[in-house]
Amino acid sequence: MFISDSGKHTITKVDAQLNLLQTFTSPLLQTPYGITAVTEDQILVCSQDNNSLLLLQPSTNTVSALLGKNDGIEWPHSLAYCTDQKKLFVAQVSTGTIHVYQIE
């Protein structure tokens, strides 16, 4: 399970007993909110103050930008990924809209 802490700008991975397994920190993690798992090693996060969606990879402890303001991301708050259709749904606070992205 992954938990976002928008005040500390971190994402924490815990097990079912809430034991701390891993903590992600990065300059890219600015007010993280929504989290969704694509695979066991691909976690997507809304970085609200950074106007971006980030890809976290627990096996390598890396954080990288996936989509940003140039892709229409502005104040992302929550997201969902549909595995069957390979579509990413992103809700944005600034416009009250949901953007849909095809992920290949």
Protein backbone atom coordinates (compact mmCIF):
# COMPACT_ATOMS: atom_id res chain seq x y z
CA MET A 1 0.00 0.00 0.00
CA PHE A 2 1.20 3.52 -0.81
CA ILE A 3 0.37 6.63 1.24
CA SER A 4 0.86 10.21 0.06
CA ASP A 5 1.83 12.93 2.53
CA SER A 6 1.24 16.29 0.87
CA GLY A 7 2.64 18.20 3.87
CA LYS A 8 5.96 16.31 3.92
CA HIS A 9 6.10 15.86 0.12
CA THR A 10 6.65 12.11 0.41
CA ILE A 11 5.13 8.81 -0.66
CA THR A 12 5.44 5.92 1.79
CA LYS A 13 5.08 2.23 1.07
CA VAL A 14 3.73 0.06 3.91
CA ASP A 15 2.69 -3.58 4.20
CA ALA A 16 -0.70 -4.90 5.39
CA GLN A 17 0.43 -4.53 9.03
CA LEU A 18 1.44 -0.89 8.34
CA ASN A 19 5.15 -1.63 8.66
CA LEU A 20 7.24 0.96 6.85
CA LEU A 21 8.85 -0.57 3.76
CA GLN A 22 10.06 2.41 1.70
CA THR A 23 9.79 6.20 1.54
CA PHE A 24 10.06 8.20 -1.64
CA THR A 25 11.37 11.76 -1.59
CA SER A 26 12.24 13.89 -4.59
CA PRO A 27 12.22 17.54 -5.63
CA LEU A 28 9.53 16.41 -8.12
CA LEU A 29 7.17 15.38 -5.29
CA GLN A 30 5.49 18.70 -4.60
CA THR A 31 2.22 18.24 -2.71
CA PRO A 32 1.51 14.66 -3.81
CA TYR A 33 -2.12 13.59 -3.78
CA GLY A 34 -3.67 10.83 -5.88
CA ILE A 35 -1.87 7.53 -6.30
CA THR A 36 -2.65 4.57 -8.54
CA ALA A 37 -0.73 1.38 -9.28
CA VAL A 38 -0.19 0.38 -12.90
CA THR A 39 1.96 -2.64 -12.03
CA GLU A 40 3.68 -3.78 -8.87
CA ASP A 41 6.68 -1.64 -9.84
CA GLN A 42 4.95 1.28 -11.56
CA ILE A 43 3.08 3.69 -9.32
CA LEU A 44 1.59 6.92 -10.68
CA VAL A 45 1.29 9.99 -8.45
CA CYS A 46 -0.26 13.45 -8.86
CA SER A 47 2.28 16.13 -7.97
CA GLN A 48 -0.10 19.04 -7.56
CA ASP A 49 2.27 21.97 -7.04
CA ASN A 50 4.56 20.66 -9.79
CA ASN A 51 1.65 20.36 -12.29
CA SER A 52 2.79 16.87 -13.20
CA LEU A 53 2.14 13.17 -13.00
CA LEU A 54 5.05 11.15 -11.70
CA LEU A 55 6.15 7.56 -12.14
CA LEU A 56 7.53 5.88 -9.01
CA GLN A 57 9.45 2.64 -9.36
CA PRO A 58 9.97 0.96 -5.98
CA SER A 59 12.52 -1.60 -7.27
CA THR A 60 14.94 1.16 -8.29
CA ASN A 61 13.72 3.81 -5.81
CA THR A 62 13.30 6.30 -8.66
CA VAL A 63 10.83 9.10 -9.33
CA SER A 64 10.45 10.57 -12.82
CA ALA A 65 8.02 12.92 -14.58
CA LEU A 66 5.55 11.22 -16.91
CA LEU A 67 3.22 14.07 -17.94
CA GLY A 68 3.39 17.80 -17.22
CA LYS A 69 1.87 21.18 -17.88
CA ASN A 70 2.73 20.95 -21.61
CA ASP A 71 0.53 17.83 -21.71
CA GLY A 72 -2.43 19.67 -20.18
CA ILE A 73 -1.73 18.77 -16.54
CA GLU A 74 -2.63 21.59 -14.16
CA TRP A 75 -3.18 21.03 -10.43
CA PRO A 76 -3.81 17.28 -10.69
CA HIS A 77 -5.62 15.87 -7.67
CA SER A 78 -6.57 12.27 -8.36
CA LEU A 79 -6.09 9.65 -11.02
CA ALA A 80 -7.09 6.16 -12.08
CA TYR A 81 -5.61 3.74 -14.59
CA CYS A 82 -7.70 1.29 -16.65
CA THR A 83 -5.48 -1.71 -17.39
CA ASP A 84 -7.74 -3.20 -20.08
CA GLN A 85 -7.93 -0.02 -22.16
CA LYS A 86 -4.53 1.39 -21.11
CA LYS A 87 -6.15 4.72 -20.30
CA LEU A 88 -5.21 7.15 -17.57
CA PHE A 89 -7.91 9.39 -16.05
CA VAL A 90 -6.70 12.56 -14.29
CA ALA A 91 -8.96 14.87 -12.26
CA GLN A 92 -7.75 18.45 -12.02
CA VAL A 93 -8.64 20.90 -9.25
CA SER A 94 -8.03 24.01 -11.35
CA THR A 95 -10.63 23.27 -14.02
CA GLY A 96 -12.88 20.68 -12.39
CA THR A 97 -12.33 18.44 -15.41
CA ILE A 98 -11.11 14.91 -16.03
CA HIS A 99 -8.50 14.41 -18.74
CA VAL A 100 -8.10 11.04 -20.43
CA TYR A 101 -4.71 9.90 -21.76
CA GLN A 102 -3.95 6.81 -23.82
CA ILE A 103 -0.86 5.11 -22.35
CA GLU A 104 0.98 2.67 -24.58
